[in-house]
Amino acid sequence: MRETSNPVFRSLPKQRGGYAQFGPGVAGGAATHYGQPDPYVAPYVDQRAAVARPLTIDDVVTKTGITLAVLSAVAAVSYFLVASNQAWAGPFTFIGAFGGLGLVLLATFGRKQDSPAIVLSYAALEGLFLGAISFLLAHFAVSTTNAGVLIGL
């Protein structure tokens, strides 16, 4: 089987789908000397706590709603800040666009796709971009005619 070069898919499990499998049987243990660490447990291994329960549809809907609420709130604040001072349109647009790109690259190549901090930071930066670019597109004029008419606003 050919291995993918996509960094997101590379972190997925290598097993193919099928029936549920049970783990291998545990071999008989040998006694260790008193005070000695277990030789079969690798030191410095990242041992994360097991998830208490599986992810449900309600969890997905809640997380999506929170992310959308953060994006919408920051977009509204960005829109009204740019409306009060149009000099902020450029910095808000570029910080939102390039900051979001940086976070996507960090999440993809750093293999931190499930980090809530990165997801909400990305939503906030994209809201910053969305609010500023929305104001620019809605108020851009071409020869005394609103350019929003040309793009369907």
C-alpha atoms as a PDB file:
ATOM      1  CA  MET A   1       0.000   0.000   0.000  1.00  0.00           C
ATOM      2  CA  ARG A   2       1.351   3.412  -0.947  1.00  0.00           C
ATOM      3  CA  GLU A   3       1.904   5.810   1.958  1.00  0.00           C
ATOM      4  CA  THR A   4       0.476   9.306   1.667  1.00  0.00           C
ATOM      5  CA  SER A   5       2.529  12.474   1.743  1.00  0.00           C
ATOM      6  CA  ASN A   6      -0.342  14.459   3.278  1.00  0.00           C
ATOM      7  CA  PRO A   7       0.671  15.340   6.877  1.00  0.00           C
ATOM      8  CA  VAL A   8      -2.911  15.170   8.127  1.00  0.00           C
ATOM      9  CA  PHE A   9      -3.582  11.707   6.712  1.00  0.00           C
ATOM     10  CA  ARG A  10      -0.171  10.440   7.758  1.00  0.00           C
ATOM     11  CA  SER A  11      -1.192  10.621  11.426  1.00  0.00           C
ATOM     12  CA  LEU A  12      -4.267   8.414  10.894  1.00  0.00           C
ATOM     13  CA  PRO A  13      -4.118   4.797  12.014  1.00  0.00           C
ATOM     14  CA  LYS A  14      -2.578   2.435   9.474  1.00  0.00           C
ATOM     15  CA  GLN A  15      -5.171  -0.325   9.935  1.00  0.00           C
ATOM     16  CA  ARG A  16      -7.808  -0.968   7.330  1.00  0.00           C
ATOM     17  CA  GLY A  17     -11.482  -1.095   8.229  1.00  0.00           C
ATOM     18  CA  GLY A  18     -13.122  -4.302   9.244  1.00  0.00           C
ATOM     19  CA  TYR A  19     -14.551  -6.079  12.224  1.00  0.00           C
ATOM     20  CA  ALA A  20     -13.718  -5.026  15.758  1.00  0.00           C
ATOM     21  CA  GLN A  21     -10.469  -6.580  16.899  1.00  0.00           C
ATOM     22  CA  PHE A  22      -9.404  -7.496  20.381  1.00  0.00           C
ATOM     23  CA  GLY A  23      -5.906  -6.835  21.631  1.00  0.00           C
ATOM     24  CA  PRO A  24      -3.360  -9.623  21.827  1.00  0.00           C
ATOM     25  CA  GLY A  25      -3.290 -11.771  24.931  1.00  0.00           C
ATOM     26  CA  VAL A  26      -1.026 -10.697  27.741  1.00  0.00           C
ATOM     27  CA  ALA A  27       2.039 -12.830  28.206  1.00  0.00           C
ATOM     28  CA  GLY A  28       2.929 -14.095  31.652  1.00  0.00           C
ATOM     29  CA  GLY A  29       4.852 -11.537  33.603  1.00  0.00           C
ATOM     30  CA  ALA A  30       8.236 -12.030  35.164  1.00  0.00           C
ATOM     31  CA  ALA A  31       9.096 -10.636  38.539  1.00  0.00           C
ATOM     32  CA  THR A  32      11.196  -7.509  38.680  1.00  0.00           C
ATOM     33  CA  HIS A  33      13.562  -6.598  41.435  1.00  0.00           C
ATOM     34  CA  TYR A  34      12.246  -4.421  44.181  1.00  0.00           C
ATOM     35  CA  GLY A  35      12.569  -0.749  43.280  1.00  0.00           C
ATOM     36  CA  GLN A  36      13.332  -1.430  39.633  1.00  0.00           C
ATOM     37  CA  PRO A  37      11.108   0.129  36.959  1.00  0.00           C
ATOM     38  CA  ASP A  38       9.118  -2.148  34.725  1.00  0.00           C
ATOM     39  CA  PRO A  39      11.432  -2.977  31.810  1.00  0.00           C
ATOM     40  CA  TYR A  40       8.519  -3.192  29.378  1.00  0.00           C
ATOM     41  CA  VAL A  41       7.286   0.343  29.968  1.00  0.00           C
ATOM     42  CA  ALA A  42       9.247   2.805  27.887  1.00  0.00           C
ATOM     43  CA  PRO A  43      10.288   5.877  29.842  1.00  0.00           C
ATOM     44  CA  TYR A  44       9.460   9.287  28.427  1.00  0.00           C
ATOM     45  CA  VAL A  45       6.542   7.927  26.412  1.00  0.00           C
ATOM     46  CA  ASP A  46       3.649  10.334  26.016  1.00  0.00           C
ATOM     47  CA  GLN A  47       0.949   8.587  28.012  1.00  0.00           C
ATOM     48  CA  ARG A  48      -2.251  10.560  27.620  1.00  0.00           C
ATOM     49  CA  ALA A  49      -5.293   9.956  29.723  1.00  0.00           C
ATOM     50  CA  ALA A  50      -7.976   7.935  28.010  1.00  0.00           C
ATOM     51  CA  VAL A  51     -11.075   9.783  26.864  1.00  0.00           C
ATOM     52  CA  ALA A  52     -13.877   9.199  29.348  1.00  0.00           C
ATOM     53  CA  ARG A  53     -16.500   8.711  26.652  1.00  0.00           C
ATOM     54  CA  PRO A  54     -16.698   8.733  22.859  1.00  0.00           C
ATOM     55  CA  LEU A  55     -17.473  11.893  20.926  1.00  0.00           C
ATOM     56  CA  THR A  56     -21.197  12.236  20.254  1.00  0.00           C
ATOM     57  CA  ILE A  57     -23.169  14.247  17.722  1.00  0.00           C
ATOM     58  CA  ASP A  58     -24.208  16.618  20.521  1.00  0.00           C
ATOM     59  CA  ASP A  59     -20.526  17.283  21.254  1.00  0.00           C
ATOM     60  CA  VAL A  60     -19.839  18.046  17.606  1.00  0.00           C
ATOM     61  CA  VAL A  61     -22.834  20.392  17.363  1.00  0.00           C
ATOM     62  CA  THR A  62     -21.813  22.173  20.581  1.00  0.00           C
ATOM     63  CA  LYS A  63     -18.194  22.623  19.491  1.00  0.00           C
ATOM     64  CA  THR A  64     -19.294  23.835  16.068  1.00  0.00           C
ATOM     65  CA  GLY A  65     -21.728  26.302  17.613  1.00  0.00           C
ATOM     66  CA  ILE A  66     -19.101  27.701  19.975  1.00  0.00           C
ATOM     67  CA  THR A  67     -16.600  28.082  17.138  1.00  0.00           C
ATOM     68  CA  LEU A  68     -19.187  29.798  14.934  1.00  0.00           C
ATOM     69  CA  ALA A  69     -20.197  32.094  17.811  1.00  0.00           C
ATOM     70  CA  VAL A  70     -16.565  33.164  18.347  1.00  0.00           C
ATOM     71  CA  LEU A  71     -16.108  33.788  14.617  1.00  0.00           C
ATOM     72  CA  SER A  72     -19.358  35.787  14.361  1.00  0.00           C
ATOM     73  CA  ALA A  73     -18.691  37.881  17.467  1.00  0.00           C
ATOM     74  CA  VAL A  74     -15.173  38.824  16.376  1.00  0.00           C
ATOM     75  CA  ALA A  75     -16.408  39.530  12.830  1.00  0.00           C
ATOM     76  CA  ALA A  76     -19.102  41.883  14.143  1.00  0.00           C
ATOM     77  CA  VAL A  77     -16.634  43.707  16.394  1.00  0.00           C
ATOM     78  CA  SER A  78     -14.141  43.960  13.522  1.00  0.00           C
ATOM     79  CA  TYR A  79     -16.804  45.284  11.141  1.00  0.00           C
ATOM     80  CA  PHE A  80     -17.921  48.031  13.509  1.00  0.00           C
ATOM     81  CA  LEU A  81     -14.363  48.985  14.488  1.00  0.00           C
ATOM     82  CA  VAL A  82     -13.472  49.374  10.810  1.00  0.00           C
ATOM     83  CA  ALA A  83     -16.677  51.361  10.281  1.00  0.00           C
ATOM     84  CA  SER A  84     -15.586  53.794  12.999  1.00  0.00           C
ATOM     85  CA  ASN A  85     -11.980  54.025  11.763  1.00  0.00           C
ATOM     86  CA  GLN A  86     -11.313  52.850   8.204  1.00  0.00           C
ATOM     87  CA  ALA A  87      -7.542  52.907   8.736  1.00  0.00           C
ATOM     88  CA  TRP A  88      -7.891  49.636  10.646  1.00  0.00           C
ATOM     89  CA  ALA A  89      -9.263  47.769   7.624  1.00  0.00           C
ATOM     90  CA  GLY A  90      -5.856  46.884   6.179  1.00  0.00           C
ATOM     91  CA  PRO A  91      -4.207  45.688   9.414  1.00  0.00           C
ATOM     92  CA  PHE A  92      -7.288  43.700  10.459  1.00  0.00           C
ATOM     93  CA  THR A  93      -7.467  42.027   7.047  1.00  0.00           C
ATOM     94  CA  PHE A  94      -3.793  41.101   6.897  1.00  0.00           C
ATOM     95  CA  ILE A  95      -3.503  40.031  10.554  1.00  0.00           C
ATOM     96  CA  GLY A  96      -6.607  37.872  10.203  1.00  0.00           C
ATOM     97  CA  ALA A  97      -5.557  36.310   6.901  1.00  0.00           C
ATOM     98  CA  PHE A  98      -1.896  35.621   7.664  1.00  0.00           C
ATOM     99  CA  GLY A  99      -2.503  34.777  11.323  1.00  0.00           C
ATOM    100  CA  GLY A 100      -5.125  32.244  10.267  1.00  0.00           C
ATOM    101  CA  LEU A 101      -2.753  30.806   7.680  1.00  0.00           C
ATOM    102  CA  GLY A 102      -0.040  30.490  10.322  1.00  0.00           C
ATOM    103  CA  LEU A 103      -2.378  28.680  12.710  1.00  0.00           C
ATOM    104  CA  VAL A 104      -3.533  26.294   9.988  1.00  0.00           C
ATOM    105  CA  LEU A 105       0.069  25.457   9.164  1.00  0.00           C
ATOM    106  CA  LEU A 106       0.856  24.991  12.862  1.00  0.00           C
ATOM    107  CA  ALA A 107      -2.132  22.710  13.362  1.00  0.00           C
ATOM    108  CA  THR A 108      -1.385  20.688  10.236  1.00  0.00           C
ATOM    109  CA  PHE A 109       2.354  20.210  10.474  1.00  0.00           C
ATOM    110  CA  GLY A 110       2.504  20.324  14.267  1.00  0.00           C
ATOM    111  CA  ARG A 111      -0.183  17.607  14.404  1.00  0.00           C
ATOM    112  CA  LYS A 112      -2.338  19.623  16.809  1.00  0.00           C
ATOM    113  CA  GLN A 113      -5.638  19.415  14.940  1.00  0.00           C
ATOM    114  CA  ASP A 114      -7.629  18.666  18.078  1.00  0.00           C
ATOM    115  CA  SER A 115      -6.315  21.554  20.178  1.00  0.00           C
ATOM    116  CA  PRO A 116      -9.234  23.748  21.330  1.00  0.00           C
ATOM    117  CA  ALA A 117      -6.952  26.769  21.744  1.00  0.00           C
ATOM    118  CA  ILE A 118      -5.812  26.602  18.126  1.00  0.00           C
ATOM    119  CA  VAL A 119      -9.349  26.073  16.823  1.00  0.00           C
ATOM    120  CA  LEU A 120     -10.782  29.043  18.736  1.00  0.00           C
ATOM    121  CA  SER A 121      -7.788  31.248  17.899  1.00  0.00           C
ATOM    122  CA  TYR A 122      -8.242  30.382  14.235  1.00  0.00           C
ATOM    123  CA  ALA A 123     -11.955  31.242  14.476  1.00  0.00           C
ATOM    124  CA  ALA A 124     -11.114  34.602  16.076  1.00  0.00           C
ATOM    125  CA  LEU A 125      -8.517  35.462  13.419  1.00  0.00           C
ATOM    126  CA  GLU A 126     -10.857  34.478  10.616  1.00  0.00           C
ATOM    127  CA  GLY A 127     -13.588  36.585  12.228  1.00  0.00           C
ATOM    128  CA  LEU A 128     -11.184  39.525  12.281  1.00  0.00           C
ATOM    129  CA  PHE A 129     -10.499  38.973   8.573  1.00  0.00           C
ATOM    130  CA  LEU A 130     -14.156  38.421   7.709  1.00  0.00           C
ATOM    131  CA  GLY A 131     -15.388  41.577   9.445  1.00  0.00           C
ATOM    132  CA  ALA A 132     -12.761  43.817   7.839  1.00  0.00           C
ATOM    133  CA  ILE A 133     -13.060  42.377   4.334  1.00  0.00           C
ATOM    134  CA  SER A 134     -16.867  42.519   4.535  1.00  0.00           C
ATOM    135  CA  PHE A 135     -16.736  46.223   5.307  1.00  0.00           C
ATOM    136  CA  LEU A 136     -14.271  46.816   2.476  1.00  0.00           C
ATOM    137  CA  LEU A 137     -16.376  44.946  -0.068  1.00  0.00           C
ATOM    138  CA  ALA A 138     -19.639  46.540   1.065  1.00  0.00           C
ATOM    139  CA  HIS A 139     -18.288  50.101   0.938  1.00  0.00           C
ATOM    140  CA  PHE A 140     -15.964  49.960  -2.037  1.00  0.00           C
ATOM    141  CA  ALA A 141     -17.074  52.391  -4.741  1.00  0.00           C
ATOM    142  CA  VAL A 142     -16.307  52.233  -8.445  1.00  0.00           C
ATOM    143  CA  SER A 143     -16.977  55.568 -10.171  1.00  0.00           C
ATOM    144  CA  THR A 144     -19.617  56.660  -7.647  1.00  0.00           C
ATOM    145  CA  THR A 145     -21.416  53.293  -7.788  1.00  0.00           C
ATOM    146  CA  ASN A 146     -21.309  50.824  -4.933  1.00  0.00           C
ATOM    147  CA  ALA A 147     -19.119  47.903  -6.026  1.00  0.00           C
ATOM    148  CA  GLY A 148     -21.215  45.553  -3.909  1.00  0.00           C
ATOM    149  CA  VAL A 149     -23.776  45.638  -6.704  1.00  0.00           C
ATOM    150  CA  LEU A 150     -21.206  44.085  -9.031  1.00  0.00           C
ATOM    151  CA  ILE A 151     -20.589  41.127  -6.735  1.00  0.00           C
ATOM    152  CA  GLY A 152     -24.160  40.668  -5.571  1.00  0.00           C
ATOM    153  CA  LEU A 153     -24.217  42.424  -2.185  1.00  0.00           C
END
